[in-house]
Amino acid sequence: MHKVWISKIDSDLDREIESALEWLDWRSVIASNARVSIKPNLTYPIHKPGVTTSPPVLEGLLRALSSRTQRINVVESDGGSYSWPAEEAFRGHGIPEMCRRYGARAVNLTNHSRENMETEIAGRAISVELPHLLTRETDVFVTMPVPKLHMMTGVSLAFKNQWGCLPDVKRLRNHADFAHKVLAINKILKPRLAIFDGTWFLDRSGPLEGDPIRKNLLIASRDSGSGSLVCCELMGISPRSAPHLRLAIAEGMMPTALDSLITNDALDAFKGSPFKLQRSWLQWLSLGIFHSRLATIALYDSPLAGPAHELLYLLRGRPADFSPKW
């Protein structure tokens, strides 16, 4: 049976995080002085509610884990298509200061040596390029997703969060085979803890824009699939509506039903109105490109790439260079 913790985040965030970790028997996962890599969701250069991992939740986890090991990395890759360096996102979330307080390191995966790794998904050999830091120098991988809808993948939860582990800023080249590739990354990295920052969920759109919904929830599990299933239930969406989650179920990486889970509390008390994905015409166009290998080549590996992205930024806007909130 898979165990999933869920609770309201009250004024004592540290207590909630410690309770979740204890309920999951985290010391049996993280040995003393283990090498730990934490992957928050930093898909924007500053904290945006419902879009990126909340700094207080990340700091709470760092504080808890640092009592067990001082060998902790907070990892992220550069924004896609050179939109911003990971260091900017670290600064925008106050991560360098956190790392100094707890003896951790903020690591830009794009700058690290990498290797091609291969595994099998749905009977196919899938190859992905991953940093040595994660494949050779990490004992325990911890993912920290934000529960949100996503205009391309349907939903973004614990599996999707590892897409940022691809160090190549042109990881958009892999979108046409997203479901297989993102599950390959997860199968190789084997996340041992999934700590969902449910301070805010994101409704209507995503991953960068949408309606942030204040939930003040902490969801935690020992695997990506179980916590993701609970989040789908809280959001009122079927995991089978997202192709990569449907594949995860088929691959045995995600439970098929809630009755296969043990939760510390009943889920009904934490539910709200169902979430609903609404795509604009530009997002529908982007979705078509997302699934097309030919369009991907034309827009990311041809002379059209530069002008196409400038047009996209003109229509959608660029991330603003604001001062950090945290």
Protein backbone atom coordinates (compact mmCIF):
# COMPACT_ATOMS: atom_id res chain seq x y z
CA MET A 1 0.00 0.00 0.00
CA HIS A 2 1.22 3.50 -0.88
CA LYS A 3 1.10 6.15 1.84
CA VAL A 4 0.18 9.78 1.19
CA TRP A 5 0.16 12.58 3.76
CA ILE A 6 -2.18 15.54 3.46
CA SER A 7 -2.68 18.41 5.88
CA LYS A 8 -3.48 22.08 6.12
CA ILE A 9 -0.47 24.35 6.46
CA ASP A 10 -1.09 26.43 9.56
CA SER A 11 1.14 28.93 11.36
CA ASP A 12 3.64 26.17 12.22
CA LEU A 13 4.90 25.09 8.79
CA ASP A 14 7.92 23.31 10.28
CA ARG A 15 5.67 21.09 12.38
CA GLU A 16 3.58 20.11 9.34
CA ILE A 17 6.66 19.22 7.30
CA GLU A 18 8.17 17.23 10.15
CA SER A 19 4.87 15.39 10.72
CA ALA A 20 4.64 14.49 7.03
CA LEU A 21 8.22 13.25 6.93
CA GLU A 22 7.80 11.20 10.10
CA TRP A 23 4.59 9.63 8.80
CA LEU A 24 6.51 8.59 5.66
CA ASP A 25 9.37 7.20 7.77
CA TRP A 26 11.81 9.48 5.96
CA ARG A 27 14.89 8.35 7.87
CA SER A 28 14.58 4.95 6.22
CA VAL A 29 14.79 6.78 2.88
CA ILE A 30 17.55 9.29 3.64
CA ALA A 31 20.54 7.75 5.37
CA SER A 32 22.72 9.86 7.59
CA ASN A 33 24.96 12.09 5.43
CA ALA A 34 23.28 10.91 2.21
CA ARG A 35 23.69 12.96 -0.95
CA VAL A 36 20.28 14.57 -1.57
CA SER A 37 19.10 16.56 -4.58
CA ILE A 38 15.89 18.59 -4.26
CA LYS A 39 14.12 19.66 -7.45
CA PRO A 40 11.66 22.53 -6.82
CA ASN A 41 9.47 23.92 -9.59
CA LEU A 42 11.18 27.12 -10.76
CA THR A 43 9.45 27.73 -14.07
CA TYR A 44 9.56 31.49 -13.54
CA PRO A 45 12.45 33.71 -12.44
CA ILE A 46 10.56 34.99 -9.36
CA HIS A 47 8.01 33.36 -7.12
CA LYS A 48 4.52 33.32 -8.65
CA PRO A 49 1.74 31.73 -6.57
CA GLY A 50 0.56 28.52 -8.20
CA VAL A 51 3.45 28.60 -10.68
CA THR A 52 6.62 28.09 -8.65
CA THR A 53 7.47 26.37 -5.39
CA SER A 54 6.85 28.66 -2.42
CA PRO A 55 10.11 29.71 -0.75
CA PRO A 56 8.85 29.12 2.83
CA VAL A 57 7.93 25.50 1.99
CA LEU A 58 11.29 24.88 0.32
CA GLU A 59 13.10 26.40 3.30
CA GLY A 60 11.05 24.28 5.69
CA LEU A 61 12.08 21.13 3.86
CA LEU A 62 15.73 22.23 3.79
CA ARG A 63 15.62 22.89 7.51
CA ALA A 64 14.20 19.43 8.21
CA LEU A 65 16.53 17.51 5.90
CA SER A 66 19.64 19.37 7.09
CA SER A 67 19.19 17.69 10.48
CA ARG A 68 19.95 14.40 8.73
CA THR A 69 22.55 15.39 6.12
CA GLN A 70 24.64 18.39 5.10
CA ARG A 71 25.06 17.14 1.54
CA ILE A 72 22.00 18.75 -0.07
CA ASN A 73 21.69 20.28 -3.53
CA VAL A 74 18.78 22.41 -4.76
CA VAL A 75 18.77 21.84 -8.51
CA GLU A 76 17.23 23.43 -11.58
CA SER A 77 18.15 23.97 -15.23
CA ASP A 78 18.12 27.18 -17.24
CA GLY A 79 14.75 28.33 -18.54
CA GLY A 80 13.85 26.91 -21.95
CA SER A 81 15.24 28.59 -25.06
CA TYR A 82 17.58 30.79 -23.00
CA SER A 83 14.67 32.60 -21.34
CA TRP A 84 16.59 33.00 -18.04
CA PRO A 85 19.48 31.30 -16.26
CA ALA A 86 18.75 29.08 -13.28
CA GLU A 87 20.78 31.43 -11.11
CA GLU A 88 18.19 34.15 -11.72
CA ALA A 89 15.40 31.85 -10.57
CA PHE A 90 17.47 30.88 -7.51
CA ARG A 91 17.88 34.56 -6.59
CA GLY A 92 14.22 35.30 -7.28
CA HIS A 93 13.21 32.67 -4.72
CA GLY A 94 15.82 33.52 -2.08
CA ILE A 95 17.52 30.16 -2.51
CA PRO A 96 21.19 31.27 -2.21
CA GLU A 97 20.43 32.70 1.25
CA MET A 98 18.56 29.52 2.25
CA CYS A 99 21.45 27.37 1.13
CA ARG A 100 23.91 29.42 3.19
CA ARG A 101 21.70 28.99 6.27
CA TYR A 102 21.50 25.21 5.94
CA GLY A 103 24.82 24.29 4.33
CA ALA A 104 23.23 23.34 1.00
CA ARG A 105 24.17 24.25 -2.58
CA ALA A 106 22.12 25.76 -5.40
CA VAL A 107 23.18 23.98 -8.59
CA ASN A 108 22.46 24.94 -12.20
CA LEU A 109 22.17 21.58 -13.97
CA THR A 110 22.73 23.18 -17.37
CA ASN A 111 26.34 23.88 -16.42
CA HIS A 112 27.14 20.31 -15.33
CA SER A 113 28.59 17.44 -17.33
CA ARG A 114 25.96 15.08 -18.66
CA GLU A 115 25.45 11.67 -20.20
CA ASN A 116 22.88 9.80 -22.26
CA MET A 117 20.86 7.37 -20.18
CA GLU A 118 18.55 4.72 -21.58
CA THR A 119 15.59 2.85 -20.15
CA GLU A 120 12.47 1.13 -21.46
CA ILE A 121 9.01 2.70 -21.44
CA ALA A 122 6.03 0.87 -22.96
CA GLY A 123 8.36 -1.58 -24.69
CA ARG A 124 10.46 1.16 -26.30
CA ALA A 125 14.06 2.07 -25.57
CA ILE A 126 14.04 5.72 -24.53
CA SER A 127 17.21 7.80 -24.29
CA VAL A 128 17.50 11.02 -22.29
CA GLU A 129 20.44 13.26 -21.48
CA LEU A 130 20.86 13.87 -17.75
CA PRO A 131 23.48 15.56 -15.53
CA HIS A 132 26.08 13.42 -13.78
CA LEU A 133 25.13 15.18 -10.56
CA LEU A 134 21.78 13.38 -10.63
CA THR A 135 22.81 10.07 -12.19
CA ARG A 136 26.09 9.50 -10.31
CA GLU A 137 26.29 11.89 -7.37
CA THR A 138 22.83 11.72 -5.81
CA ASP A 139 21.66 9.06 -3.36
CA VAL A 140 18.14 10.40 -2.84
CA PHE A 141 16.20 12.51 -5.32
CA VAL A 142 13.37 14.63 -3.87
CA THR A 143 10.81 16.36 -6.08
CA MET A 144 8.84 19.47 -4.99
CA PRO A 145 6.07 20.12 -7.53
CA VAL A 146 3.25 22.64 -7.48
CA PRO A 147 -0.17 21.15 -8.37
CA LYS A 148 -1.35 22.94 -11.49
CA LEU A 149 -3.06 22.58 -14.82
CA HIS A 150 -0.85 22.73 -17.88
CA MET A 151 -1.91 23.80 -21.36
CA MET A 152 0.41 21.24 -23.02
CA THR A 153 0.40 18.22 -20.72
CA GLY A 154 -3.02 18.62 -19.10
CA VAL A 155 -1.66 18.71 -15.58
CA SER A 156 1.73 19.31 -13.96
CA LEU A 157 2.46 17.23 -10.87
CA ALA A 158 5.30 15.08 -9.57
CA PHE A 159 6.31 13.38 -12.84
CA LYS A 160 6.24 16.57 -14.91
CA ASN A 161 8.45 18.42 -12.41
CA GLN A 162 11.43 16.33 -13.53
CA TRP A 163 11.28 17.78 -17.05
CA GLY A 164 13.50 20.55 -15.71
CA CYS A 165 16.21 17.97 -15.02
CA LEU A 166 16.98 17.92 -18.74
CA PRO A 167 19.95 20.30 -18.84
CA ASP A 168 19.56 21.27 -22.50
CA VAL A 169 17.77 24.62 -22.81
CA LYS A 170 16.31 23.27 -26.07
CA ARG A 171 14.44 20.49 -24.26
CA LEU A 172 11.43 21.62 -26.30
CA ARG A 173 12.88 19.38 -29.01
CA ASN A 174 11.66 16.44 -26.93
CA HIS A 175 8.04 17.60 -26.62
CA ALA A 176 6.70 15.37 -29.39
CA ASP A 177 7.70 12.35 -27.28
CA PHE A 178 7.02 14.02 -23.93
CA ALA A 179 5.09 11.24 -22.18
CA HIS A 180 7.73 8.57 -22.80
CA LYS A 181 10.65 10.86 -22.09
CA VAL A 182 9.36 12.36 -18.86
CA LEU A 183 8.60 8.89 -17.50
CA ALA A 184 12.06 7.73 -18.58
CA ILE A 185 13.58 10.58 -16.54
CA ASN A 186 11.54 9.52 -13.53
CA LYS A 187 12.39 5.86 -13.96
CA ILE A 188 16.11 6.70 -14.06
CA LEU A 189 16.18 9.24 -11.23
CA LYS A 190 13.76 7.30 -8.99
CA PRO A 191 12.32 10.09 -6.80
CA ARG A 192 12.14 8.78 -3.23
CA LEU A 193 10.10 11.62 -1.76
CA ALA A 194 7.50 13.85 -3.41
CA ILE A 195 6.69 16.96 -1.37
CA PHE A 196 3.83 18.83 -3.07
CA ASP A 197 3.70 22.52 -2.27
CA GLY A 198 -0.05 23.01 -2.20
CA THR A 199 0.09 26.51 -0.75
CA TRP A 200 -1.36 27.53 -4.11
CA PHE A 201 -2.80 25.37 -6.89
CA LEU A 202 -3.16 26.72 -10.44
CA ASP A 203 -6.48 26.53 -12.29
CA ARG A 204 -7.66 27.42 -15.83
CA SER A 205 -4.30 27.52 -17.62
CA GLY A 206 -0.65 26.88 -16.88
CA PRO A 207 2.20 26.41 -16.47
CA LEU A 208 3.07 30.14 -16.33
CA GLU A 209 -0.34 31.80 -16.26
CA GLY A 210 -3.69 30.90 -14.78
CA ASP A 211 -5.83 31.37 -11.69
CA PRO A 212 -3.90 30.74 -8.46
CA ILE A 213 -6.14 29.05 -5.88
CA ARG A 214 -5.08 29.37 -2.25
CA LYS A 215 -5.29 25.91 -0.67
CA ASN A 216 -2.61 25.95 2.05
CA LEU A 217 -2.05 22.21 1.68
CA LEU A 218 0.96 19.99 2.12
CA ILE A 219 0.83 16.67 0.28
CA ALA A 220 3.69 14.19 0.60
CA SER A 221 4.37 10.67 -0.61
CA ARG A 222 7.20 8.18 -1.02
CA ASP A 223 6.62 8.00 -4.77
CA SER A 224 5.52 10.40 -7.50
CA GLY A 225 2.47 8.47 -8.63
CA SER A 226 0.62 8.21 -5.31
CA GLY A 227 0.86 11.89 -4.46
CA SER A 228 -0.08 12.81 -8.01
CA LEU A 229 -3.21 10.63 -7.81
CA VAL A 230 -4.30 12.43 -4.64
CA CYS A 231 -3.72 15.82 -6.26
CA CYS A 232 -5.82 14.79 -9.25
CA GLU A 233 -8.62 13.85 -6.86
CA LEU A 234 -8.36 17.20 -5.08
CA MET A 235 -8.45 19.02 -8.43
CA GLY A 236 -11.43 17.01 -9.66
CA ILE A 237 -9.66 15.71 -12.77
CA SER A 238 -9.07 12.22 -14.10
CA PRO A 239 -5.40 11.22 -14.28
CA ARG A 240 -6.24 9.34 -17.46
CA SER A 241 -7.04 12.67 -19.14
CA ALA A 242 -3.30 13.47 -19.15
CA PRO A 243 -1.38 11.25 -21.61
CA HIS A 244 1.76 10.98 -19.46
CA LEU A 245 -0.26 9.98 -16.38
CA ARG A 246 -2.21 7.46 -18.44
CA LEU A 247 1.10 5.98 -19.53
CA ALA A 248 2.40 6.06 -15.94
CA ILE A 249 -0.59 3.97 -14.87
CA ALA A 250 0.03 1.50 -17.68
CA GLU A 251 3.70 1.26 -16.65
CA GLY A 252 2.85 0.60 -13.01
CA MET A 253 4.40 3.92 -11.94
CA MET A 254 1.10 5.31 -10.64
CA PRO A 255 -1.71 3.59 -8.69
CA THR A 256 -4.95 3.07 -10.53
CA ALA A 257 -7.33 3.90 -7.68
CA LEU A 258 -7.49 5.74 -4.37
CA ASP A 259 -8.41 2.57 -2.48
CA SER A 260 -4.85 1.38 -3.04
CA LEU A 261 -3.57 4.27 -0.90
CA ILE A 262 -3.26 4.84 2.83
CA THR A 263 -3.83 8.48 3.75
CA ASN A 264 -3.47 10.09 7.15
CA ASP A 265 -6.81 11.88 6.71
CA ALA A 266 -9.93 11.67 4.56
CA LEU A 267 -9.59 13.58 1.30
CA ASP A 268 -13.14 14.94 1.11
CA ALA A 269 -12.41 17.70 3.62
CA PHE A 270 -9.69 19.10 1.33
CA LYS A 271 -11.64 19.16 -1.94
CA GLY A 272 -13.01 22.27 -3.61
CA SER A 273 -14.52 23.14 -6.96
CA PRO A 274 -13.25 21.03 -9.89
CA PHE A 275 -10.47 22.56 -11.94
CA LYS A 276 -11.05 23.15 -15.64
CA LEU A 277 -8.43 23.71 -18.31
CA GLN A 278 -9.30 26.51 -20.75
CA ARG A 279 -6.98 27.04 -23.72
CA SER A 280 -6.74 30.24 -25.76
CA TRP A 281 -6.32 30.10 -29.55
CA LEU A 282 -2.59 30.67 -29.08
CA GLN A 283 -2.39 27.79 -26.63
CA TRP A 284 -4.28 25.49 -29.01
CA LEU A 285 -1.75 26.44 -31.70
CA SER A 286 1.10 25.76 -29.29
CA LEU A 287 -0.43 22.39 -28.40
CA GLY A 288 -0.44 21.38 -32.06
CA ILE A 289 3.24 22.33 -32.33
CA PHE A 290 3.93 20.45 -29.08
CA HIS A 291 2.80 17.15 -30.62
CA SER A 292 4.40 17.68 -34.05
CA ARG A 293 7.99 16.57 -34.69
CA LEU A 294 8.09 18.51 -37.98
CA ALA A 295 6.85 21.74 -36.35
CA THR A 296 9.33 21.26 -33.52
CA ILE A 297 12.22 21.02 -35.98
CA ALA A 298 11.00 24.05 -37.91
CA LEU A 299 10.55 26.25 -34.85
CA TYR A 300 13.51 25.15 -32.73
CA ASP A 301 16.17 23.83 -35.14
CA SER A 302 15.85 26.03 -38.20
CA PRO A 303 16.38 29.69 -39.21
CA LEU A 304 12.72 30.27 -38.27
CA ALA A 305 13.45 29.67 -34.59
CA GLY A 306 14.63 33.18 -33.69
CA PRO A 307 11.84 35.14 -35.40
CA ALA A 308 9.20 32.66 -34.17
CA HIS A 309 10.22 33.11 -30.56
CA GLU A 310 10.35 36.88 -30.88
CA LEU A 311 6.80 36.78 -32.24
CA LEU A 312 5.74 34.53 -29.37
CA TYR A 313 7.22 36.91 -26.81
CA LEU A 314 5.47 39.80 -28.57
CA LEU A 315 2.12 38.04 -28.26
CA ARG A 316 2.60 36.54 -24.80
CA GLY A 317 5.16 38.85 -23.21
CA ARG A 318 8.48 38.10 -21.56
CA PRO A 319 8.98 37.27 -17.86
CA ALA A 320 9.34 40.56 -15.98
CA ASP A 321 12.55 41.34 -14.16
CA PHE A 322 11.01 42.10 -10.76
CA SER A 323 12.77 42.26 -7.42
CA PRO A 324 12.47 39.01 -5.44
CA LYS A 325 9.54 38.76 -3.02
CA TRP A 326 11.34 36.47 -0.60
